[in-house]
Amino acid sequence: MKIKDKYEVKAVKKHECKEWFMYKHYAKRLPIMIYTYGLFERNNLIGVCSYGNPISKDLVNNMLNGKYKKSIFELNRLVVNEDLEKNSLSFFVSQTFKLLPSPCCLVSYADSSQGHHGYIYQSTNWIYTGLTKSIKDWKEIGTNKHSRTFSELGADYMRKHPDRYEQVERSRKHRYIYFIGNKREKKDMKNNLKYEIVPYPKGNNKRYDASYKPSTQQQLF
């Protein structure tokens, strides 16, 4: 049986993704979700992904020379059950392209600190634009809280409390870009892309434990 006959991709509710992202994905936190999609096998949910607004305002304002700013989305979470048929993940991602608004520009990242190289993006023909810059984030000592959860406190406040906060090097990420639109729109986005297009990175991927079984992987109607 062909993959397209075995699996179906369709929109799902944000709350149906929550357990997958909180407990099955390695990041263990919820992203900004605008568009959420599920991979189904005989009406059973076997994977989810989400697209949202990119965190980096600089990227949105400058990546495409100031154009398409309201049409730039980040593929910020992607997780499926283990031991699916070969090419299932590529099928899932490529099918979501058909459900997103057009034109739009997508960006996604593969975390080098997790041993990821972005092979799913390579297999679905994303453009690779190299590693992100090396920068530092504030961290609350003794916790795994992301810096965004307490950024409203301000850097000055955190500097005055070195017993509670410290700066740590943010892991560099492989950045991938994908254009959705007609031939003219995709050409225009590519012509305005401010990042250099470079060859795909290679290496051995590190796997993380994704064996958790969300309750929402049961039948959804």
C-alpha atoms as a PDB file:
ATOM      1  CA  MET A   1       0.000   0.000   0.000  1.00  0.00           C
ATOM      2  CA  LYS A   2       1.304   3.449  -0.941  1.00  0.00           C
ATOM      3  CA  ILE A   3       1.885   5.971   1.847  1.00  0.00           C
ATOM      4  CA  LYS A   4      -0.706   8.351   0.402  1.00  0.00           C
ATOM      5  CA  ASP A   5      -3.289   5.558   0.637  1.00  0.00           C
ATOM      6  CA  LYS A   6      -2.248   4.572   4.159  1.00  0.00           C
ATOM      7  CA  TYR A   7      -1.981   7.979   5.827  1.00  0.00           C
ATOM      8  CA  GLU A   8      -4.003  11.188   5.867  1.00  0.00           C
ATOM      9  CA  VAL A   9      -2.955  14.688   6.949  1.00  0.00           C
ATOM     10  CA  LYS A  10      -5.511  17.200   8.205  1.00  0.00           C
ATOM     11  CA  ALA A  11      -5.888  20.110  10.592  1.00  0.00           C
ATOM     12  CA  VAL A  12      -6.303  19.348  14.295  1.00  0.00           C
ATOM     13  CA  LYS A  13      -7.189  21.460  17.326  1.00  0.00           C
ATOM     14  CA  LYS A  14      -4.363  23.048  19.300  1.00  0.00           C
ATOM     15  CA  HIS A  15      -5.353  21.246  22.495  1.00  0.00           C
ATOM     16  CA  GLU A  16      -4.967  17.923  20.693  1.00  0.00           C
ATOM     17  CA  CYS A  17      -1.260  18.689  20.242  1.00  0.00           C
ATOM     18  CA  LYS A  18      -0.550  19.777  23.814  1.00  0.00           C
ATOM     19  CA  GLU A  19       0.263  16.378  25.299  1.00  0.00           C
ATOM     20  CA  TRP A  20       2.440  15.443  22.309  1.00  0.00           C
ATOM     21  CA  PHE A  21       4.549  18.576  22.656  1.00  0.00           C
ATOM     22  CA  MET A  22       4.761  18.594  26.451  1.00  0.00           C
ATOM     23  CA  TYR A  23       5.694  14.954  26.968  1.00  0.00           C
ATOM     24  CA  LYS A  24       6.696  13.339  23.658  1.00  0.00           C
ATOM     25  CA  HIS A  25       8.786  16.076  21.984  1.00  0.00           C
ATOM     26  CA  TYR A  26      12.295  16.599  23.413  1.00  0.00           C
ATOM     27  CA  ALA A  27      11.715  20.349  24.053  1.00  0.00           C
ATOM     28  CA  LYS A  28       8.996  19.564  26.645  1.00  0.00           C
ATOM     29  CA  ARG A  29       7.240  22.923  26.237  1.00  0.00           C
ATOM     30  CA  LEU A  30       4.474  24.424  24.133  1.00  0.00           C
ATOM     31  CA  PRO A  31       5.340  26.626  21.139  1.00  0.00           C
ATOM     32  CA  ILE A  32       3.335  29.463  19.608  1.00  0.00           C
ATOM     33  CA  MET A  33       0.701  27.625  17.573  1.00  0.00           C
ATOM     34  CA  ILE A  34      -1.203  29.145  14.651  1.00  0.00           C
ATOM     35  CA  TYR A  35      -1.613  26.157  12.337  1.00  0.00           C
ATOM     36  CA  THR A  36      -1.689  22.626  13.747  1.00  0.00           C
ATOM     37  CA  TYR A  37      -1.858  19.409  11.732  1.00  0.00           C
ATOM     38  CA  GLY A  38      -2.108  15.721  12.444  1.00  0.00           C
ATOM     39  CA  LEU A  39      -0.908  12.587  10.679  1.00  0.00           C
ATOM     40  CA  PHE A  40      -3.606   9.893  10.755  1.00  0.00           C
ATOM     41  CA  GLU A  41      -3.695   6.186  10.066  1.00  0.00           C
ATOM     42  CA  ARG A  42      -7.268   4.821   9.904  1.00  0.00           C
ATOM     43  CA  ASN A  43      -8.468   7.815  11.971  1.00  0.00           C
ATOM     44  CA  ASN A  44      -5.807   7.239  14.634  1.00  0.00           C
ATOM     45  CA  LEU A  45      -3.595  10.243  15.330  1.00  0.00           C
ATOM     46  CA  ILE A  46       0.040   9.104  14.959  1.00  0.00           C
ATOM     47  CA  GLY A  47       1.855  12.442  14.668  1.00  0.00           C
ATOM     48  CA  VAL A  48       1.414  16.201  15.020  1.00  0.00           C
ATOM     49  CA  CYS A  49       3.171  19.362  13.893  1.00  0.00           C
ATOM     50  CA  SER A  50       2.636  23.071  14.363  1.00  0.00           C
ATOM     51  CA  TYR A  51       3.480  26.331  12.651  1.00  0.00           C
ATOM     52  CA  GLY A  52       3.600  29.679  14.424  1.00  0.00           C
ATOM     53  CA  ASN A  53       5.091  33.152  14.294  1.00  0.00           C
ATOM     54  CA  PRO A  54       8.913  33.125  14.442  1.00  0.00           C
ATOM     55  CA  ILE A  55      10.349  34.273  17.771  1.00  0.00           C
ATOM     56  CA  SER A  56      13.013  36.401  16.069  1.00  0.00           C
ATOM     57  CA  LYS A  57      11.600  39.793  15.017  1.00  0.00           C
ATOM     58  CA  ASP A  58      14.862  40.519  13.240  1.00  0.00           C
ATOM     59  CA  LEU A  59      14.325  37.481  11.029  1.00  0.00           C
ATOM     60  CA  VAL A  60      10.775  38.511  10.167  1.00  0.00           C
ATOM     61  CA  ASN A  61      11.769  42.103   9.380  1.00  0.00           C
ATOM     62  CA  ASN A  62      14.870  41.344   7.362  1.00  0.00           C
ATOM     63  CA  MET A  63      14.922  37.802   6.017  1.00  0.00           C
ATOM     64  CA  LEU A  64      13.029  38.668   2.826  1.00  0.00           C
ATOM     65  CA  ASN A  65      14.223  42.273   2.546  1.00  0.00           C
ATOM     66  CA  GLY A  66      11.204  43.523   4.499  1.00  0.00           C
ATOM     67  CA  LYS A  67       8.645  41.745   2.303  1.00  0.00           C
ATOM     68  CA  TYR A  68       6.088  39.071   3.246  1.00  0.00           C
ATOM     69  CA  LYS A  69       6.444  39.916   6.954  1.00  0.00           C
ATOM     70  CA  LYS A  70       2.916  38.725   7.776  1.00  0.00           C
ATOM     71  CA  SER A  71       3.420  35.540   5.767  1.00  0.00           C
ATOM     72  CA  ILE A  72       6.504  34.107   7.491  1.00  0.00           C
ATOM     73  CA  PHE A  73       5.817  31.110   9.718  1.00  0.00           C
ATOM     74  CA  GLU A  74       8.035  28.773  11.683  1.00  0.00           C
ATOM     75  CA  LEU A  75       7.587  25.021  11.696  1.00  0.00           C
ATOM     76  CA  ASN A  76       8.278  24.869  15.424  1.00  0.00           C
ATOM     77  CA  ARG A  77       7.239  21.363  16.435  1.00  0.00           C
ATOM     78  CA  LEU A  78       7.167  18.019  14.656  1.00  0.00           C
ATOM     79  CA  VAL A  79       6.739  14.701  16.432  1.00  0.00           C
ATOM     80  CA  VAL A  80       5.403  11.307  15.369  1.00  0.00           C
ATOM     81  CA  ASN A  81       5.132   7.842  16.822  1.00  0.00           C
ATOM     82  CA  GLU A  82       8.214   5.660  16.574  1.00  0.00           C
ATOM     83  CA  ASP A  83       8.666   2.906  13.974  1.00  0.00           C
ATOM     84  CA  LEU A  84       6.431   4.375  11.287  1.00  0.00           C
ATOM     85  CA  GLU A  85       6.844   3.338   7.683  1.00  0.00           C
ATOM     86  CA  LYS A  86       9.848   4.787   5.834  1.00  0.00           C
ATOM     87  CA  ASN A  87       9.210   8.274   4.367  1.00  0.00           C
ATOM     88  CA  SER A  88       6.175   8.804   6.628  1.00  0.00           C
ATOM     89  CA  LEU A  89       7.682  11.962   8.119  1.00  0.00           C
ATOM     90  CA  SER A  90       8.483  13.420   4.692  1.00  0.00           C
ATOM     91  CA  PHE A  91       4.945  12.673   3.545  1.00  0.00           C
ATOM     92  CA  PHE A  92       3.521  14.358   6.645  1.00  0.00           C
ATOM     93  CA  VAL A  93       5.528  17.567   6.233  1.00  0.00           C
ATOM     94  CA  SER A  94       4.989  17.831   2.475  1.00  0.00           C
ATOM     95  CA  GLN A  95       1.227  17.405   2.875  1.00  0.00           C
ATOM     96  CA  THR A  96       1.042  20.269   5.379  1.00  0.00           C
ATOM     97  CA  PHE A  97       2.396  22.589   2.662  1.00  0.00           C
ATOM     98  CA  LYS A  98      -0.880  22.114   0.792  1.00  0.00           C
ATOM     99  CA  LEU A  99      -2.900  23.210   3.836  1.00  0.00           C
ATOM    100  CA  LEU A 100      -0.957  26.386   4.659  1.00  0.00           C
ATOM    101  CA  PRO A 101      -1.883  29.826   3.255  1.00  0.00           C
ATOM    102  CA  SER A 102      -0.240  30.825  -0.001  1.00  0.00           C
ATOM    103  CA  PRO A 103       2.048  32.631  -0.549  1.00  0.00           C
ATOM    104  CA  CYS A 104       4.110  32.175   2.569  1.00  0.00           C
ATOM    105  CA  CYS A 105       7.676  31.560   3.643  1.00  0.00           C
ATOM    106  CA  LEU A 106       8.545  28.872   6.179  1.00  0.00           C
ATOM    107  CA  VAL A 107      11.551  28.684   8.465  1.00  0.00           C
ATOM    108  CA  SER A 108      12.578  25.834  10.716  1.00  0.00           C
ATOM    109  CA  TYR A 109      15.574  24.792  12.761  1.00  0.00           C
ATOM    110  CA  ALA A 110      17.456  21.608  13.583  1.00  0.00           C
ATOM    111  CA  ASP A 111      19.162  21.819  16.978  1.00  0.00           C
ATOM    112  CA  SER A 112      22.851  20.966  16.700  1.00  0.00           C
ATOM    113  CA  SER A 113      23.053  20.400  20.473  1.00  0.00           C
ATOM    114  CA  GLN A 114      20.557  17.557  20.069  1.00  0.00           C
ATOM    115  CA  GLY A 115      22.637  15.994  17.296  1.00  0.00           C
ATOM    116  CA  HIS A 116      20.121  16.977  14.632  1.00  0.00           C
ATOM    117  CA  HIS A 117      21.046  17.964  11.066  1.00  0.00           C
ATOM    118  CA  GLY A 118      17.610  18.527   9.549  1.00  0.00           C
ATOM    119  CA  TYR A 119      17.359  15.509   7.276  1.00  0.00           C
ATOM    120  CA  ILE A 120      13.570  15.832   7.188  1.00  0.00           C
ATOM    121  CA  TYR A 121      13.994  19.306   5.669  1.00  0.00           C
ATOM    122  CA  GLN A 122      16.578  18.042   3.224  1.00  0.00           C
ATOM    123  CA  SER A 123      14.254  15.250   2.087  1.00  0.00           C
ATOM    124  CA  THR A 124      11.447  17.760   1.456  1.00  0.00           C
ATOM    125  CA  ASN A 125      13.682  20.203  -0.461  1.00  0.00           C
ATOM    126  CA  TRP A 126      14.038  23.088   1.969  1.00  0.00           C
ATOM    127  CA  ILE A 127      16.817  25.638   1.390  1.00  0.00           C
ATOM    128  CA  TYR A 128      19.668  25.454   3.907  1.00  0.00           C
ATOM    129  CA  THR A 129      21.120  28.782   5.065  1.00  0.00           C
ATOM    130  CA  GLY A 130      23.708  27.671   7.608  1.00  0.00           C
ATOM    131  CA  LEU A 131      23.911  27.843  11.382  1.00  0.00           C
ATOM    132  CA  THR A 132      22.364  30.565  13.521  1.00  0.00           C
ATOM    133  CA  LYS A 133      24.657  33.043  15.274  1.00  0.00           C
ATOM    134  CA  SER A 134      26.185  32.247  18.634  1.00  0.00           C
ATOM    135  CA  ILE A 135      24.378  34.228  21.347  1.00  0.00           C
ATOM    136  CA  LYS A 136      23.721  33.967  25.078  1.00  0.00           C
ATOM    137  CA  ASP A 137      20.416  33.527  26.916  1.00  0.00           C
ATOM    138  CA  TRP A 138      19.485  34.170  30.529  1.00  0.00           C
ATOM    139  CA  LYS A 139      18.737  31.063  32.582  1.00  0.00           C
ATOM    140  CA  GLU A 140      17.211  30.655  36.002  1.00  0.00           C
ATOM    141  CA  ILE A 141      19.726  28.613  37.981  1.00  0.00           C
ATOM    142  CA  GLY A 142      18.492  25.174  38.950  1.00  0.00           C
ATOM    143  CA  THR A 143      15.566  25.087  36.520  1.00  0.00           C
ATOM    144  CA  ASN A 144      14.961  24.230  32.867  1.00  0.00           C
ATOM    145  CA  LYS A 145      12.757  27.257  32.273  1.00  0.00           C
ATOM    146  CA  HIS A 146      13.199  28.898  28.889  1.00  0.00           C
ATOM    147  CA  SER A 147      14.454  32.498  28.973  1.00  0.00           C
ATOM    148  CA  ARG A 148      11.190  33.708  27.424  1.00  0.00           C
ATOM    149  CA  THR A 149       9.306  32.713  30.582  1.00  0.00           C
ATOM    150  CA  PHE A 150      10.997  35.444  32.624  1.00  0.00           C
ATOM    151  CA  SER A 151      12.320  37.854  29.971  1.00  0.00           C
ATOM    152  CA  GLU A 152       9.853  40.519  31.129  1.00  0.00           C
ATOM    153  CA  LEU A 153      12.031  40.940  34.224  1.00  0.00           C
ATOM    154  CA  GLY A 154      14.702  42.587  32.091  1.00  0.00           C
ATOM    155  CA  ALA A 155      18.421  41.934  31.780  1.00  0.00           C
ATOM    156  CA  ASP A 156      19.311  44.588  34.384  1.00  0.00           C
ATOM    157  CA  TYR A 157      17.215  42.846  37.026  1.00  0.00           C
ATOM    158  CA  MET A 158      18.800  39.474  36.305  1.00  0.00           C
ATOM    159  CA  ARG A 159      22.327  40.913  36.405  1.00  0.00           C
ATOM    160  CA  LYS A 160      21.574  42.201  39.922  1.00  0.00           C
ATOM    161  CA  HIS A 161      20.610  38.694  41.052  1.00  0.00           C
ATOM    162  CA  PRO A 162      23.554  36.451  40.077  1.00  0.00           C
ATOM    163  CA  ASP A 163      22.468  33.966  42.724  1.00  0.00           C
ATOM    164  CA  ARG A 164      19.312  33.268  40.699  1.00  0.00           C
ATOM    165  CA  TYR A 165      20.172  33.969  37.058  1.00  0.00           C
ATOM    166  CA  GLU A 166      23.096  33.298  34.751  1.00  0.00           C
ATOM    167  CA  GLN A 167      23.889  33.648  31.046  1.00  0.00           C
ATOM    168  CA  VAL A 168      24.470  30.498  29.054  1.00  0.00           C
ATOM    169  CA  GLU A 169      25.502  29.948  25.446  1.00  0.00           C
ATOM    170  CA  ARG A 170      22.507  29.167  23.254  1.00  0.00           C
ATOM    171  CA  SER A 171      23.045  26.123  21.062  1.00  0.00           C
ATOM    172  CA  ARG A 172      23.459  26.961  17.397  1.00  0.00           C
ATOM    173  CA  LYS A 173      20.794  25.643  15.065  1.00  0.00           C
ATOM    174  CA  HIS A 174      20.720  24.649  11.424  1.00  0.00           C
ATOM    175  CA  ARG A 175      18.322  27.059   9.663  1.00  0.00           C
ATOM    176  CA  TYR A 176      16.110  25.906   6.792  1.00  0.00           C
ATOM    177  CA  ILE A 177      13.798  27.945   4.533  1.00  0.00           C
ATOM    178  CA  TYR A 178      10.895  26.851   2.318  1.00  0.00           C
ATOM    179  CA  PHE A 179       8.784  28.940  -0.086  1.00  0.00           C
ATOM    180  CA  ILE A 180       5.100  28.291  -0.821  1.00  0.00           C
ATOM    181  CA  GLY A 181       3.377  30.062  -3.698  1.00  0.00           C
ATOM    182  CA  ASN A 182       3.150  30.151  -7.452  1.00  0.00           C
ATOM    183  CA  LYS A 183       6.244  30.229  -9.627  1.00  0.00           C
ATOM    184  CA  ARG A 184       6.441  34.046  -9.643  1.00  0.00           C
ATOM    185  CA  GLU A 185       5.942  34.364  -5.873  1.00  0.00           C
ATOM    186  CA  LYS A 186       8.561  31.736  -5.032  1.00  0.00           C
ATOM    187  CA  LYS A 187      11.056  33.379  -7.376  1.00  0.00           C
ATOM    188  CA  ASP A 188      10.410  36.769  -5.762  1.00  0.00           C
ATOM    189  CA  MET A 189      10.919  35.355  -2.249  1.00  0.00           C
ATOM    190  CA  LYS A 190      14.133  33.644  -3.272  1.00  0.00           C
ATOM    191  CA  ASN A 191      15.438  36.822  -4.922  1.00  0.00           C
ATOM    192  CA  ASN A 192      14.790  38.753  -1.704  1.00  0.00           C
ATOM    193  CA  LEU A 193      16.297  36.160   0.630  1.00  0.00           C
ATOM    194  CA  LYS A 194      19.053  37.824   2.676  1.00  0.00           C
ATOM    195  CA  TYR A 195      20.707  34.584   3.809  1.00  0.00           C
ATOM    196  CA  GLU A 196      23.341  32.781   1.784  1.00  0.00           C
ATOM    197  CA  ILE A 197      22.253  29.394   0.455  1.00  0.00           C
ATOM    198  CA  VAL A 198      24.827  26.748   1.384  1.00  0.00           C
ATOM    199  CA  PRO A 199      25.167  22.934   0.986  1.00  0.00           C
ATOM    200  CA  TYR A 200      23.233  20.648   3.324  1.00  0.00           C
ATOM    201  CA  PRO A 201      25.040  19.532   6.506  1.00  0.00           C
ATOM    202  CA  LYS A 202      25.695  15.836   7.029  1.00  0.00           C
ATOM    203  CA  GLY A 203      26.421  13.673  10.040  1.00  0.00           C
ATOM    204  CA  ASN A 204      24.956  11.026  12.306  1.00  0.00           C
ATOM    205  CA  ASN A 205      21.664  12.026  13.883  1.00  0.00           C
ATOM    206  CA  LYS A 206      21.090  11.495  17.582  1.00  0.00           C
ATOM    207  CA  ARG A 207      17.704  10.009  18.460  1.00  0.00           C
ATOM    208  CA  TYR A 208      15.707  10.987  21.533  1.00  0.00           C
ATOM    209  CA  ASP A 209      13.118   8.976  23.414  1.00  0.00           C
ATOM    210  CA  ALA A 210       9.700   9.536  21.818  1.00  0.00           C
ATOM    211  CA  SER A 211       8.020   6.451  23.250  1.00  0.00           C
ATOM    212  CA  TYR A 212       5.456   8.389  25.322  1.00  0.00           C
ATOM    213  CA  LYS A 213       1.905   7.552  24.206  1.00  0.00           C
ATOM    214  CA  PRO A 214      -0.403  10.606  24.293  1.00  0.00           C
ATOM    215  CA  SER A 215      -4.055   9.991  25.095  1.00  0.00           C
ATOM    216  CA  THR A 216      -5.001  11.964  21.958  1.00  0.00           C
ATOM    217  CA  GLN A 217      -3.457   9.338  19.685  1.00  0.00           C
ATOM    218  CA  GLN A 218      -6.722   7.459  20.019  1.00  0.00           C
ATOM    219  CA  GLN A 219      -9.406   8.029  17.432  1.00  0.00           C
ATOM    220  CA  LEU A 220     -10.385  11.651  16.793  1.00  0.00           C
ATOM    221  CA  PHE A 221     -13.530  12.539  14.881  1.00  0.00           C
END
